[in-house]
Structure formats: C-alpha cells, structure tokens
C-alpha cells in the first residue's frame, strides 16, 4: 500500500475563496469552487472544506509492520484495524473503502512516514 498525499483539513467554514453566499436557491452555493463541484462543493447540503496537502506521488510505500498496526475509529467510537494483511501486504482493499478517521496513534505514525519522505 502507498500513501499518495497527506491532506489536513484547515477549515470547514465559508472563506474568501468560496465566493459570495447564494441569494436564491438557483445560485451556486460555492461559486469560487466551481472546479471542485464534482466533489460536492455546491451540491445540496454540501459544505466547503479547505485543506493543506502535500503533492501527490506514488513512491511512498508503507512499511508492512505499520500497515498491520493501523487503526481507525468510526463515528460510534469503535476502533478497528485492517483485515486481510498477510506478511505486511494488503491482500484485499475492501477494508479501506469508506470514510474513517485514523486514531491519533496511527495518524502520528503515518505523519512520520510522510514527513521523512517529503523534504
């Protein structure tokens, strides 16, 4: 498995880059984010999310021991690890599908890997 980028959410409120707030229901919600509309910026109930990200690269493999130890926490506060990790290799990606928040420990470990790779 590879880390392709690190994204940190820096804000979820309307910023100057978002453009003016809609005056009617027909106006775009975030006209300053037109290029990102396919990701939901401007759809019904969508909110602007501002991020700070590293460049996308495909040369940052995760060490096998780190992969086996990654844990996530869902909305209910339950933690889980990855299934289908054999000998440091992910055999099935189904456990990575969806949106989950890394635990602070796993986030710190990944940040160290990315920090060592991005100079």
PDB file of N, CA and C in Angstrom:
ATOM      1  N   UNK A   1       0.842  -1.166   0.000  1.00  0.00           N
ATOM      2  CA  UNK A   1       0.000   0.000   0.000  1.00  0.00           C
ATOM      3  C   UNK A   1       0.886   1.228   0.000  1.00  0.00           C
ATOM      4  N   UNK A   2       0.413   2.278  -0.669  1.00  0.00           N
ATOM      5  CA  UNK A   2       1.163   3.515  -0.783  1.00  0.00           C
ATOM      6  C   UNK A   2       0.372   4.692  -0.224  1.00  0.00           C
ATOM      7  N   UNK A   3       1.075   5.637   0.358  1.00  0.00           N
ATOM      8  CA  UNK A   3       0.478   6.917   0.736  1.00  0.00           C
ATOM      9  C   UNK A   3       0.675   7.814  -0.471  1.00  0.00           C
ATOM     10  N   UNK A   4      -0.396   8.382  -1.009  1.00  0.00           N
ATOM     11  CA  UNK A   4      -0.254   9.226  -2.191  1.00  0.00           C
ATOM     12  C   UNK A   4      -0.231  10.710  -1.858  1.00  0.00           C
ATOM     13  N   UNK A   5      -0.764  11.101  -0.713  1.00  0.00           N
ATOM     14  CA  UNK A   5      -0.747  12.502  -0.298  1.00  0.00           C
ATOM     15  C   UNK A   5      -1.212  12.592   1.149  1.00  0.00           C
ATOM     16  N   UNK A   6      -0.820  13.677   1.802  1.00  0.00           N
ATOM     17  CA  UNK A   6      -1.336  13.962   3.146  1.00  0.00           C
ATOM     18  C   UNK A   6      -2.210  15.194   3.025  1.00  0.00           C
ATOM     19  N   UNK A   7      -3.437  15.086   3.514  1.00  0.00           N
ATOM     20  CA  UNK A   7      -4.355  16.218   3.490  1.00  0.00           C
ATOM     21  C   UNK A   7      -4.783  16.530   4.909  1.00  0.00           C
ATOM     22  N   UNK A   8      -4.636  17.793   5.272  1.00  0.00           N
ATOM     23  CA  UNK A   8      -5.107  18.258   6.583  1.00  0.00           C
ATOM     24  C   UNK A   8      -6.250  19.233   6.365  1.00  0.00           C
ATOM     25  N   UNK A   9      -7.358  19.010   7.024  1.00  0.00           N
ATOM     26  CA  UNK A   9      -8.480  19.939   6.936  1.00  0.00           C
ATOM     27  C   UNK A   9      -8.101  21.180   7.729  1.00  0.00           C
ATOM     28  N   UNK A  10      -8.118  22.335   7.045  1.00  0.00           N
ATOM     29  CA  UNK A  10      -7.764  23.588   7.714  1.00  0.00           C
ATOM     30  C   UNK A  10      -8.981  24.419   8.056  1.00  0.00           C
ATOM     31  N   UNK A  11     -10.108  24.118   7.444  1.00  0.00           N
ATOM     32  CA  UNK A  11     -11.316  24.867   7.770  1.00  0.00           C
ATOM     33  C   UNK A  11     -12.518  24.292   7.060  1.00  0.00           C
ATOM     34  N   UNK A  12     -13.672  24.458   7.675  1.00  0.00           N
ATOM     35  CA  UNK A  12     -14.898  23.963   7.062  1.00  0.00           C
ATOM     36  C   UNK A  12     -15.942  25.061   6.936  1.00  0.00           C
ATOM     37  N   UNK A  13     -15.538  26.304   7.181  1.00  0.00           N
ATOM     38  CA  UNK A  13     -16.475  27.415   7.044  1.00  0.00           C
ATOM     39  C   UNK A  13     -16.290  28.103   5.714  1.00  0.00           C
ATOM     40  N   UNK A  14     -17.174  29.011   5.398  1.00  0.00           N
ATOM     41  CA  UNK A  14     -17.085  29.774   4.157  1.00  0.00           C
ATOM     42  C   UNK A  14     -15.906  30.729   4.259  1.00  0.00           C
ATOM     43  N   UNK A  15     -14.995  30.630   3.300  1.00  0.00           N
ATOM     44  CA  UNK A  15     -13.834  31.503   3.250  1.00  0.00           C
ATOM     45  C   UNK A  15     -13.950  32.468   2.092  1.00  0.00           C
ATOM     46  N   UNK A  16     -12.994  33.364   1.976  1.00  0.00           N
ATOM     47  CA  UNK A  16     -12.994  34.318   0.876  1.00  0.00           C
ATOM     48  C   UNK A  16     -12.964  33.615  -0.476  1.00  0.00           C
ATOM     49  N   UNK A  17     -12.298  32.460  -0.531  1.00  0.00           N
ATOM     50  CA  UNK A  17     -12.183  31.720  -1.790  1.00  0.00           C
ATOM     51  C   UNK A  17     -13.501  31.095  -2.226  1.00  0.00           C
ATOM     52  N   UNK A  18     -14.482  31.033  -1.340  1.00  0.00           N
ATOM     53  CA  UNK A  18     -15.745  30.359  -1.641  1.00  0.00           C
ATOM     54  C   UNK A  18     -16.691  31.214  -2.486  1.00  0.00           C
ATOM     55  N   UNK A  19     -16.425  32.519  -2.577  1.00  0.00           N
ATOM     56  CA  UNK A  19     -17.333  33.406  -3.302  1.00  0.00           C
ATOM     57  C   UNK A  19     -18.470  33.856  -2.409  1.00  0.00           C
ATOM     58  N   UNK A  20     -19.378  34.590  -2.993  1.00  0.00           N
ATOM     59  CA  UNK A  20     -20.492  35.136  -2.213  1.00  0.00           C
ATOM     60  C   UNK A  20     -21.522  34.054  -1.923  1.00  0.00           C
ATOM     61  N   UNK A  21     -22.207  34.211  -0.820  1.00  0.00           N
ATOM     62  CA  UNK A  21     -23.256  33.261  -0.434  1.00  0.00           C
ATOM     63  C   UNK A  21     -24.408  33.364  -1.433  1.00  0.00           C
ATOM     64  N   UNK A  22     -25.102  32.274  -1.680  1.00  0.00           N
ATOM     65  CA  UNK A  22     -26.197  32.309  -2.656  1.00  0.00           C
ATOM     66  C   UNK A  22     -27.345  33.192  -2.179  1.00  0.00           C
ATOM     67  N   UNK A  23     -27.921  33.954  -3.116  1.00  0.00           N
ATOM     68  CA  UNK A  23     -29.067  34.806  -2.786  1.00  0.00           C
ATOM     69  C   UNK A  23     -30.374  34.048  -2.991  1.00  0.00           C
ATOM     70  N   UNK A  24     -30.374  33.095  -3.934  1.00  0.00           N
ATOM     71  CA  UNK A  24     -31.567  32.291  -4.190  1.00  0.00           C
ATOM     72  C   UNK A  24     -31.164  30.821  -4.251  1.00  0.00           C
ATOM     73  N   UNK A  25     -32.124  29.945  -4.282  1.00  0.00           N
ATOM     74  CA  UNK A  25     -31.818  28.514  -4.332  1.00  0.00           C
ATOM     75  C   UNK A  25     -31.183  28.115  -5.652  1.00  0.00           C
ATOM     76  N   UNK A  26     -31.325  28.964  -6.692  1.00  0.00           N
ATOM     77  CA  UNK A  26     -30.764  28.651  -8.001  1.00  0.00           C
ATOM     78  C   UNK A  26     -29.289  29.030  -8.111  1.00  0.00           C
ATOM     79  N   UNK A  27     -28.809  29.872  -7.208  1.00  0.00           N
ATOM     80  CA  UNK A  27     -27.415  30.311  -7.248  1.00  0.00           C
ATOM     81  C   UNK A  27     -26.502  29.205  -6.719  1.00  0.00           C
ATOM     82  N   UNK A  28     -25.286  29.111  -7.281  1.00  0.00           N
ATOM     83  CA  UNK A  28     -24.347  28.105  -6.767  1.00  0.00           C
ATOM     84  C   UNK A  28     -23.967  28.407  -5.320  1.00  0.00           C
ATOM     85  N   UNK A  29     -23.829  27.371  -4.517  1.00  0.00           N
ATOM     86  CA  UNK A  29     -23.532  27.553  -3.092  1.00  0.00           C
ATOM     87  C   UNK A  29     -22.121  28.071  -2.868  1.00  0.00           C
ATOM     88  N   UNK A  30     -21.164  27.600  -3.673  1.00  0.00           N
ATOM     89  CA  UNK A  30     -19.765  27.990  -3.523  1.00  0.00           C
ATOM     90  C   UNK A  30     -19.188  28.305  -4.906  1.00  0.00           C
ATOM     91  N   UNK A  31     -19.516  29.471  -5.487  1.00  0.00           N
ATOM     92  CA  UNK A  31     -19.080  29.761  -6.852  1.00  0.00           C
ATOM     93  C   UNK A  31     -17.565  29.792  -7.019  1.00  0.00           C
ATOM     94  N   UNK A  32     -16.828  30.056  -5.965  1.00  0.00           N
ATOM     95  CA  UNK A  32     -15.371  30.071  -6.056  1.00  0.00           C
ATOM     96  C   UNK A  32     -14.763  28.696  -6.150  1.00  0.00           C
ATOM     97  N   UNK A  33     -15.573  27.653  -5.970  1.00  0.00           N
ATOM     98  CA  UNK A  33     -15.076  26.283  -6.019  1.00  0.00           C
ATOM     99  C   UNK A  33     -15.723  25.511  -7.167  1.00  0.00           C
ATOM    100  N   UNK A  34     -15.989  26.190  -8.271  1.00  0.00           N
ATOM    101  CA  UNK A  34     -16.639  25.549  -9.413  1.00  0.00           C
ATOM    102  C   UNK A  34     -15.890  24.340  -9.932  1.00  0.00           C
ATOM    103  N   UNK A  35     -14.548  24.414  -9.923  1.00  0.00           N
ATOM    104  CA  UNK A  35     -13.758  23.283 -10.419  1.00  0.00           C
ATOM    105  C   UNK A  35     -13.913  22.046  -9.558  1.00  0.00           C
ATOM    106  N   UNK A  36     -14.369  22.217  -8.330  1.00  0.00           N
ATOM    107  CA  UNK A  36     -14.483  21.088  -7.405  1.00  0.00           C
ATOM    108  C   UNK A  36     -15.933  20.652  -7.198  1.00  0.00           C
ATOM    109  N   UNK A  37     -16.832  21.137  -8.023  1.00  0.00           N
ATOM    110  CA  UNK A  37     -18.245  20.833  -7.819  1.00  0.00           C
ATOM    111  C   UNK A  37     -18.540  19.338  -7.871  1.00  0.00           C
ATOM    112  N   UNK A  38     -17.733  18.577  -8.640  1.00  0.00           N
ATOM    113  CA  UNK A  38     -17.973  17.145  -8.729  1.00  0.00           C
ATOM    114  C   UNK A  38     -17.724  16.429  -7.402  1.00  0.00           C
ATOM    115  N   UNK A  39     -17.036  17.098  -6.465  1.00  0.00           N
ATOM    116  CA  UNK A  39     -16.781  16.501  -5.157  1.00  0.00           C
ATOM    117  C   UNK A  39     -17.815  16.938  -4.126  1.00  0.00           C
ATOM    118  N   UNK A  40     -18.795  17.728  -4.540  1.00  0.00           N
ATOM    119  CA  UNK A  40     -19.864  18.108  -3.627  1.00  0.00           C
ATOM    120  C   UNK A  40     -19.860  19.564  -3.231  1.00  0.00           C
ATOM    121  N   UNK A  41     -18.836  20.336  -3.563  1.00  0.00           N
ATOM    122  CA  UNK A  41     -18.824  21.755  -3.210  1.00  0.00           C
ATOM    123  C   UNK A  41     -19.856  22.457  -4.074  1.00  0.00           C
ATOM    124  N   UNK A  42     -21.000  22.706  -3.521  1.00  0.00           N
ATOM    125  CA  UNK A  42     -22.061  23.375  -4.268  1.00  0.00           C
ATOM    126  C   UNK A  42     -23.317  22.542  -4.374  1.00  0.00           C
ATOM    127  N   UNK A  43     -23.264  21.301  -4.018  1.00  0.00           N
ATOM    128  CA  UNK A  43     -24.448  20.458  -4.062  1.00  0.00           C
ATOM    129  C   UNK A  43     -25.349  20.716  -2.859  1.00  0.00           C
ATOM    130  N   UNK A  44     -26.507  20.155  -2.870  1.00  0.00           N
ATOM    131  CA  UNK A  44     -27.467  20.337  -1.776  1.00  0.00           C
ATOM    132  C   UNK A  44     -26.873  19.843  -0.463  1.00  0.00           C
ATOM    133  N   UNK A  45     -26.743  20.706   0.497  1.00  0.00           N
ATOM    134  CA  UNK A  45     -26.239  20.328   1.807  1.00  0.00           C
ATOM    135  C   UNK A  45     -24.728  20.222   1.889  1.00  0.00           C
ATOM    136  N   UNK A  46     -24.016  20.496   0.805  1.00  0.00           N
ATOM    137  CA  UNK A  46     -22.557  20.384   0.823  1.00  0.00           C
ATOM    138  C   UNK A  46     -21.944  21.582   1.536  1.00  0.00           C
ATOM    139  N   UNK A  47     -20.782  21.385   2.086  1.00  0.00           N
ATOM    140  CA  UNK A  47     -20.052  22.455   2.754  1.00  0.00           C
ATOM    141  C   UNK A  47     -18.660  22.532   2.154  1.00  0.00           C
ATOM    142  N   UNK A  48     -18.097  23.725   2.183  1.00  0.00           N
ATOM    143  CA  UNK A  48     -16.727  23.879   1.697  1.00  0.00           C
ATOM    144  C   UNK A  48     -15.767  23.280   2.705  1.00  0.00           C
ATOM    145  N   UNK A  49     -14.784  22.559   2.219  1.00  0.00           N
ATOM    146  CA  UNK A  49     -13.744  22.003   3.070  1.00  0.00           C
ATOM    147  C   UNK A  49     -12.422  22.490   2.508  1.00  0.00           C
ATOM    148  N   UNK A  50     -11.638  23.160   3.338  1.00  0.00           N
ATOM    149  CA  UNK A  50     -10.348  23.680   2.895  1.00  0.00           C
ATOM    150  C   UNK A  50      -9.246  22.809   3.466  1.00  0.00           C
ATOM    151  N   UNK A  51      -8.279  22.463   2.627  1.00  0.00           N
ATOM    152  CA  UNK A  51      -7.224  21.543   3.039  1.00  0.00           C
ATOM    153  C   UNK A  51      -5.847  22.100   2.707  1.00  0.00           C
ATOM    154  N   UNK A  52      -4.872  21.596   3.440  1.00  0.00           N
ATOM    155  CA  UNK A  52      -3.462  21.801   3.148  1.00  0.00           C
ATOM    156  C   UNK A  52      -2.952  20.418   2.783  1.00  0.00           C
ATOM    157  N   UNK A  53      -2.359  20.271   1.606  1.00  0.00           N
ATOM    158  CA  UNK A  53      -1.979  18.934   1.146  1.00  0.00           C
ATOM    159  C   UNK A  53      -0.565  18.914   0.589  1.00  0.00           C
ATOM    160  N   UNK A  54       0.045  17.750   0.668  1.00  0.00           N
ATOM    161  CA  UNK A  54       1.345  17.535   0.034  1.00  0.00           C
ATOM    162  C   UNK A  54       1.088  17.187  -1.428  1.00  0.00           C
ATOM    163  N   UNK A  55       2.081  17.326  -2.296  1.00  0.00           N
ATOM    164  CA  UNK A  55       1.899  16.917  -3.695  1.00  0.00           C
ATOM    165  C   UNK A  55       1.594  15.413  -3.781  1.00  0.00           C
ATOM    166  N   UNK A  56       0.841  15.033  -4.771  1.00  0.00           N
ATOM    167  CA  UNK A  56       0.514  13.630  -4.997  1.00  0.00           C
ATOM    168  C   UNK A  56       1.732  12.929  -5.601  1.00  0.00           C
ATOM    169  N   UNK A  57       2.101  11.804  -5.016  1.00  0.00           N
ATOM    170  CA  UNK A  57       3.189  10.991  -5.555  1.00  0.00           C
ATOM    171  C   UNK A  57       2.851   9.527  -5.324  1.00  0.00           C
ATOM    172  N   UNK A  58       3.484   8.674  -6.074  1.00  0.00           N
ATOM    173  CA  UNK A  58       3.197   7.245  -5.980  1.00  0.00           C
ATOM    174  C   UNK A  58       4.455   6.465  -5.629  1.00  0.00           C
ATOM    175  N   UNK A  59       5.302   7.070  -4.792  1.00  0.00           N
ATOM    176  CA  UNK A  59       6.564   6.417  -4.439  1.00  0.00           C
ATOM    177  C   UNK A  59       6.782   6.367  -2.927  1.00  0.00           C
ATOM    178  N   UNK A  60       5.688   6.311  -2.152  1.00  0.00           N
ATOM    179  CA  UNK A  60       5.788   6.286  -0.705  1.00  0.00           C
ATOM    180  C   UNK A  60       5.112   5.033  -0.139  1.00  0.00           C
ATOM    181  N   UNK A  61       5.757   3.862  -0.235  1.00  0.00           N
ATOM    182  CA  UNK A  61       5.140   2.635   0.288  1.00  0.00           C
ATOM    183  C   UNK A  61       5.127   2.646   1.818  1.00  0.00           C
ATOM    184  N   UNK A  62       4.088   2.071   2.379  1.00  0.00           N
ATOM    185  CA  UNK A  62       4.016   1.919   3.830  1.00  0.00           C
ATOM    186  C   UNK A  62       4.767   0.674   4.247  1.00  0.00           C
ATOM    187  N   UNK A  63       5.550   0.762   5.312  1.00  0.00           N
ATOM    188  CA  UNK A  63       6.189  -0.461   5.827  1.00  0.00           C
ATOM    189  C   UNK A  63       5.116  -1.463   6.259  1.00  0.00           C
ATOM    190  N   UNK A  64       5.357  -2.735   6.013  1.00  0.00           N
ATOM    191  CA  UNK A  64       4.382  -3.779   6.325  1.00  0.00           C
ATOM    192  C   UNK A  64       3.961  -3.818   7.778  1.00  0.00           C
ATOM    193  N   UNK A  65       4.915  -3.581   8.709  1.00  0.00           N
ATOM    194  CA  UNK A  65       4.542  -3.616  10.122  1.00  0.00           C
ATOM    195  C   UNK A  65       3.629  -2.445  10.491  1.00  0.00           C
ATOM    196  N   UNK A  66       3.801  -1.310   9.832  1.00  0.00           N
ATOM    197  CA  UNK A  66       2.918  -0.169  10.086  1.00  0.00           C
ATOM    198  C   UNK A  66       1.526  -0.448   9.538  1.00  0.00           C
ATOM    199  N   UNK A  67       1.462  -1.017   8.358  1.00  0.00           N
ATOM    200  CA  UNK A  67       0.181  -1.341   7.731  1.00  0.00           C
ATOM    201  C   UNK A  67      -0.653  -2.257   8.627  1.00  0.00           C
ATOM    202  N   UNK A  68      -0.019  -3.259   9.182  1.00  0.00           N
ATOM    203  CA  UNK A  68      -0.741  -4.210  10.039  1.00  0.00           C
ATOM    204  C   UNK A  68      -1.218  -3.565  11.330  1.00  0.00           C
ATOM    205  N   UNK A  69      -0.587  -2.475  11.770  1.00  0.00           N
ATOM    206  CA  UNK A  69      -0.953  -1.849  13.029  1.00  0.00           C
ATOM    207  C   UNK A  69      -1.858  -0.635  12.921  1.00  0.00           C
ATOM    208  N   UNK A  70      -2.214  -0.214  11.704  1.00  0.00           N
ATOM    209  CA  UNK A  70      -3.082   0.955  11.547  1.00  0.00           C
ATOM    210  C   UNK A  70      -4.465   0.688  12.137  1.00  0.00           C
ATOM    211  N   UNK A  71      -5.004   1.683  12.818  1.00  0.00           N
ATOM    212  CA  UNK A  71      -6.345   1.558  13.398  1.00  0.00           C
ATOM    213  C   UNK A  71      -7.173   2.797  13.074  1.00  0.00           C
ATOM    214  N   UNK A  72      -8.464   2.581  12.912  1.00  0.00           N
ATOM    215  CA  UNK A  72      -9.415   3.639  12.615  1.00  0.00           C
ATOM    216  C   UNK A  72     -10.498   3.669  13.677  1.00  0.00           C
ATOM    217  N   UNK A  73     -11.127   4.828  13.821  1.00  0.00           N
ATOM    218  CA  UNK A  73     -12.241   4.986  14.759  1.00  0.00           C
ATOM    219  C   UNK A  73     -13.443   5.493  13.964  1.00  0.00           C
ATOM    220  N   UNK A  74     -14.568   4.837  14.129  1.00  0.00           N
ATOM    221  CA  UNK A  74     -15.769   5.279  13.422  1.00  0.00           C
ATOM    222  C   UNK A  74     -16.541   6.298  14.268  1.00  0.00           C
ATOM    223  N   UNK A  75     -17.681   6.735  13.763  1.00  0.00           N
ATOM    224  CA  UNK A  75     -18.486   7.747  14.471  1.00  0.00           C
ATOM    225  C   UNK A  75     -18.948   7.286  15.845  1.00  0.00           C
ATOM    226  N   UNK A  76     -19.140   6.011  15.998  1.00  0.00           N
ATOM    227  CA  UNK A  76     -19.613   5.478  17.285  1.00  0.00           C
ATOM    228  C   UNK A  76     -18.478   5.278  18.279  1.00  0.00           C
ATOM    229  N   UNK A  77     -17.255   5.603  17.857  1.00  0.00           N
ATOM    230  CA  UNK A  77     -16.112   5.479  18.748  1.00  0.00           C
ATOM    231  C   UNK A  77     -15.469   4.103  18.775  1.00  0.00           C
ATOM    232  N   UNK A  78     -15.919   3.201  17.900  1.00  0.00           N
ATOM    233  CA  UNK A  78     -15.334   1.861  17.839  1.00  0.00           C
ATOM    234  C   UNK A  78     -14.069   1.903  16.988  1.00  0.00           C
ATOM    235  N   UNK A  79     -13.041   1.206  17.447  1.00  0.00           N
ATOM    236  CA  UNK A  79     -11.805   1.155  16.664  1.00  0.00           C
ATOM    237  C   UNK A  79     -11.704  -0.180  15.955  1.00  0.00           C
ATOM    238  N   UNK A  80     -11.014  -0.152  14.830  1.00  0.00           N
ATOM    239  CA  UNK A  80     -10.806  -1.386  14.074  1.00  0.00           C
ATOM    240  C   UNK A  80      -9.500  -1.262  13.306  1.00  0.00           C
ATOM    241  N   UNK A  81      -8.937  -2.379  12.968  1.00  0.00           N
ATOM    242  CA  UNK A  81      -7.727  -2.431  12.155  1.00  0.00           C
ATOM    243  C   UNK A  81      -8.066  -2.960  10.781  1.00  0.00           C
ATOM    244  N   UNK A  82      -7.060  -3.100   9.957  1.00  0.00           N
ATOM    245  CA  UNK A  82      -7.261  -3.655   8.620  1.00  0.00           C
ATOM    246  C   UNK A  82      -7.334  -5.174   8.671  1.00  0.00           C
ATOM    247  N   UNK A  83      -8.232  -5.726   7.909  1.00  0.00           N
ATOM    248  CA  UNK A  83      -8.283  -7.167   7.717  1.00  0.00           C
ATOM    249  C   UNK A  83      -7.513  -7.476   6.439  1.00  0.00           C
ATOM    250  N   UNK A  84      -7.195  -8.688   6.241  1.00  0.00           N
ATOM    251  CA  UNK A  84      -6.557  -9.161   5.008  1.00  0.00           C
ATOM    252  C   UNK A  84      -5.128  -8.640   4.837  1.00  0.00           C
ATOM    253  N   UNK A  85      -4.415  -8.422   5.940  1.00  0.00           N
ATOM    254  CA  UNK A  85      -2.995  -8.076   5.873  1.00  0.00           C
ATOM    255  C   UNK A  85      -2.215  -9.351   6.177  1.00  0.00           C
ATOM    256  N   UNK A  86      -1.454  -9.813   5.201  1.00  0.00           N
ATOM    257  CA  UNK A  86      -0.680 -11.044   5.340  1.00  0.00           C
ATOM    258  C   UNK A  86       0.773 -10.735   4.994  1.00  0.00           C
ATOM    259  N   UNK A  87       1.666 -11.012   5.936  1.00  0.00           N
ATOM    260  CA  UNK A  87       3.097 -10.773   5.736  1.00  0.00           C
ATOM    261  C   UNK A  87       3.392  -9.345   5.296  1.00  0.00           C
ATOM    262  N   UNK A  88       2.692  -8.385   5.906  1.00  0.00           N
ATOM    263  CA  UNK A  88       2.933  -6.978   5.609  1.00  0.00           C
ATOM    264  C   UNK A  88       2.351  -6.482   4.302  1.00  0.00           C
ATOM    265  N   UNK A  89       1.534  -7.304   3.653  1.00  0.00           N
ATOM    266  CA  UNK A  89       0.917  -6.923   2.378  1.00  0.00           C
ATOM    267  C   UNK A  89      -0.593  -6.972   2.507  1.00  0.00           C
ATOM    268  N   UNK A  90      -1.244  -5.983   1.925  1.00  0.00           N
ATOM    269  CA  UNK A  90      -2.701  -5.928   1.916  1.00  0.00           C
ATOM    270  C   UNK A  90      -3.203  -6.778   0.758  1.00  0.00           C
ATOM    271  N   UNK A  91      -3.934  -7.858   1.085  1.00  0.00           N
ATOM    272  CA  UNK A  91      -4.407  -8.757   0.038  1.00  0.00           C
ATOM    273  C   UNK A  91      -5.743  -8.337  -0.553  1.00  0.00           C
ATOM    274  N   UNK A  92      -6.555  -7.631   0.220  1.00  0.00           N
ATOM    275  CA  UNK A  92      -7.856  -7.149  -0.261  1.00  0.00           C
ATOM    276  C   UNK A  92      -8.053  -5.732   0.253  1.00  0.00           C
ATOM    277  N   UNK A  93      -8.509  -4.845  -0.609  1.00  0.00           N
ATOM    278  CA  UNK A  93      -8.647  -3.437  -0.236  1.00  0.00           C
ATOM    279  C   UNK A  93     -10.019  -3.082   0.319  1.00  0.00           C
ATOM    280  N   UNK A  94     -10.907  -4.050   0.440  1.00  0.00           N
ATOM    281  CA  UNK A  94     -12.268  -3.758   0.885  1.00  0.00           C
ATOM    282  C   UNK A  94     -12.287  -3.052   2.247  1.00  0.00           C
ATOM    283  N   UNK A  95     -11.338  -3.309   3.098  1.00  0.00           N
ATOM    284  CA  UNK A  95     -11.290  -2.676   4.417  1.00  0.00           C
ATOM    285  C   UNK A  95     -10.912  -1.214   4.377  1.00  0.00           C
ATOM    286  N   UNK A  96     -10.458  -0.735   3.235  1.00  0.00           N
ATOM    287  CA  UNK A  96     -10.102   0.673   3.081  1.00  0.00           C
ATOM    288  C   UNK A  96     -11.194   1.479   2.397  1.00  0.00           C
ATOM    289  N   UNK A  97     -12.265   0.849   2.001  1.00  0.00           N
ATOM    290  CA  UNK A  97     -13.327   1.554   1.296  1.00  0.00           C
ATOM    291  C   UNK A  97     -14.262   2.210   2.290  1.00  0.00           C
ATOM    292  N   UNK A  98     -14.485   3.490   2.119  1.00  0.00           N
ATOM    293  CA  UNK A  98     -15.340   4.256   3.014  1.00  0.00           C
ATOM    294  C   UNK A  98     -14.562   5.393   3.635  1.00  0.00           C
ATOM    295  N   UNK A  99     -15.198   6.096   4.542  1.00  0.00           N
ATOM    296  CA  UNK A  99     -14.568   7.226   5.212  1.00  0.00           C
ATOM    297  C   UNK A  99     -14.444   6.921   6.693  1.00  0.00           C
ATOM    298  N   UNK A 100     -13.215   6.899   7.161  1.00  0.00           N
ATOM    299  CA  UNK A 100     -12.941   6.604   8.555  1.00  0.00           C
ATOM    300  C   UNK A 100     -11.866   7.560   9.048  1.00  0.00           C
ATOM    301  N   UNK A 101     -11.849   7.817  10.327  1.00  0.00           N
ATOM    302  CA  UNK A 101     -10.834   8.677  10.912  1.00  0.00           C
ATOM    303  C   UNK A 101      -9.784   7.823  11.582  1.00  0.00           C
ATOM    304  N   UNK A 102      -8.525   8.059  11.205  1.00  0.00           N
ATOM    305  CA  UNK A 102      -7.433   7.334  11.853  1.00  0.00           C
ATOM    306  C   UNK A 102      -7.383   7.685  13.333  1.00  0.00           C
ATOM    307  N   UNK A 103      -6.980   6.745  14.150  1.00  0.00           N
ATOM    308  CA  UNK A 103      -6.748   7.073  15.558  1.00  0.00           C
ATOM    309  C   UNK A 103      -5.540   8.001  15.621  1.00  0.00           C
ATOM    310  N   UNK A 104      -5.382   8.715  16.701  1.00  0.00           N
ATOM    311  CA  UNK A 104      -4.278   9.666  16.816  1.00  0.00           C
ATOM    312  C   UNK A 104      -2.928   8.959  16.742  1.00  0.00           C
ATOM    313  N   UNK A 105      -2.846   7.755  17.264  1.00  0.00           N
ATOM    314  CA  UNK A 105      -1.596   6.998  17.204  1.00  0.00           C
ATOM    315  C   UNK A 105      -1.226   6.656  15.755  1.00  0.00           C
ATOM    316  N   UNK A 106      -2.191   6.138  15.006  1.00  0.00           N
ATOM    317  CA  UNK A 106      -1.943   5.786  13.611  1.00  0.00           C
ATOM    318  C   UNK A 106      -1.666   7.029  12.769  1.00  0.00           C
ATOM    319  N   UNK A 107      -2.375   8.097  13.052  1.00  0.00           N
ATOM    320  CA  UNK A 107      -2.145   9.344  12.333  1.00  0.00           C
ATOM    321  C   UNK A 107      -0.718   9.848  12.551  1.00  0.00           C
ATOM    322  N   UNK A 108      -0.243   9.763  13.778  1.00  0.00           N
ATOM    323  CA  UNK A 108       1.123  10.172  14.084  1.00  0.00           C
ATOM    324  C   UNK A 108       2.156   9.316  13.379  1.00  0.00           C
ATOM    325  N   UNK A 109       1.903   8.016  13.318  1.00  0.00           N
ATOM    326  CA  UNK A 109       2.836   7.114  12.638  1.00  0.00           C
ATOM    327  C   UNK A 109       2.884   7.389  11.136  1.00  0.00           C
ATOM    328  N   UNK A 110       1.700   7.636  10.537  1.00  0.00           N
ATOM    329  CA  UNK A 110       1.683   7.962   9.113  1.00  0.00           C
ATOM    330  C   UNK A 110       2.335   9.313   8.851  1.00  0.00           C
ATOM    331  N   UNK A 111       2.124  10.268   9.737  1.00  0.00           N
ATOM    332  CA  UNK A 111       2.732  11.593   9.573  1.00  0.00           C
ATOM    333  C   UNK A 111       4.257  11.481   9.605  1.00  0.00           C
ATOM    334  N   UNK A 112       4.757  10.587  10.419  1.00  0.00           N
ATOM    335  CA  UNK A 112       6.218  10.377  10.477  1.00  0.00           C
ATOM    336  C   UNK A 112       6.737   9.799   9.162  1.00  0.00           C
ATOM    337  N   UNK A 113       6.006   8.837   8.585  1.00  0.00           N
ATOM    338  CA  UNK A 113       6.416   8.260   7.308  1.00  0.00           C
ATOM    339  C   UNK A 113       6.406   9.336   6.218  1.00  0.00           C
ATOM    340  N   UNK A 114       5.330  10.119   6.154  1.00  0.00           N
ATOM    341  CA  UNK A 114       5.216  11.166   5.138  1.00  0.00           C
ATOM    342  C   UNK A 114       6.250  12.257   5.396  1.00  0.00           C
ATOM    343  N   UNK A 115       6.452  12.630   6.636  1.00  0.00           N
ATOM    344  CA  UNK A 115       7.432  13.663   6.971  1.00  0.00           C
ATOM    345  C   UNK A 115       8.829  13.276   6.585  1.00  0.00           C
ATOM    346  N   UNK A 116       9.170  12.003   6.714  1.00  0.00           N
ATOM    347  CA  UNK A 116      10.509  11.531   6.322  1.00  0.00           C
ATOM    348  C   UNK A 116      10.667  11.473   4.812  1.00  0.00           C
ATOM    349  N   UNK A 117       9.556  11.294   4.092  1.00  0.00           N
ATOM    350  CA  UNK A 117       9.625  11.168   2.633  1.00  0.00           C
ATOM    351  C   UNK A 117       9.545  12.520   1.938  1.00  0.00           C
ATOM    352  N   UNK A 118       8.794  13.468   2.506  1.00  0.00           N
ATOM    353  CA  UNK A 118       8.607  14.781   1.895  1.00  0.00           C
ATOM    354  C   UNK A 118       9.614  15.737   2.506  1.00  0.00           C
ATOM    355  N   UNK A 119      10.553  16.204   1.698  1.00  0.00           N
ATOM    356  CA  UNK A 119      11.574  17.129   2.183  1.00  0.00           C
ATOM    357  C   UNK A 119      11.472  18.449   1.496  1.00  0.00           C
TER     358      UNK A 119
END
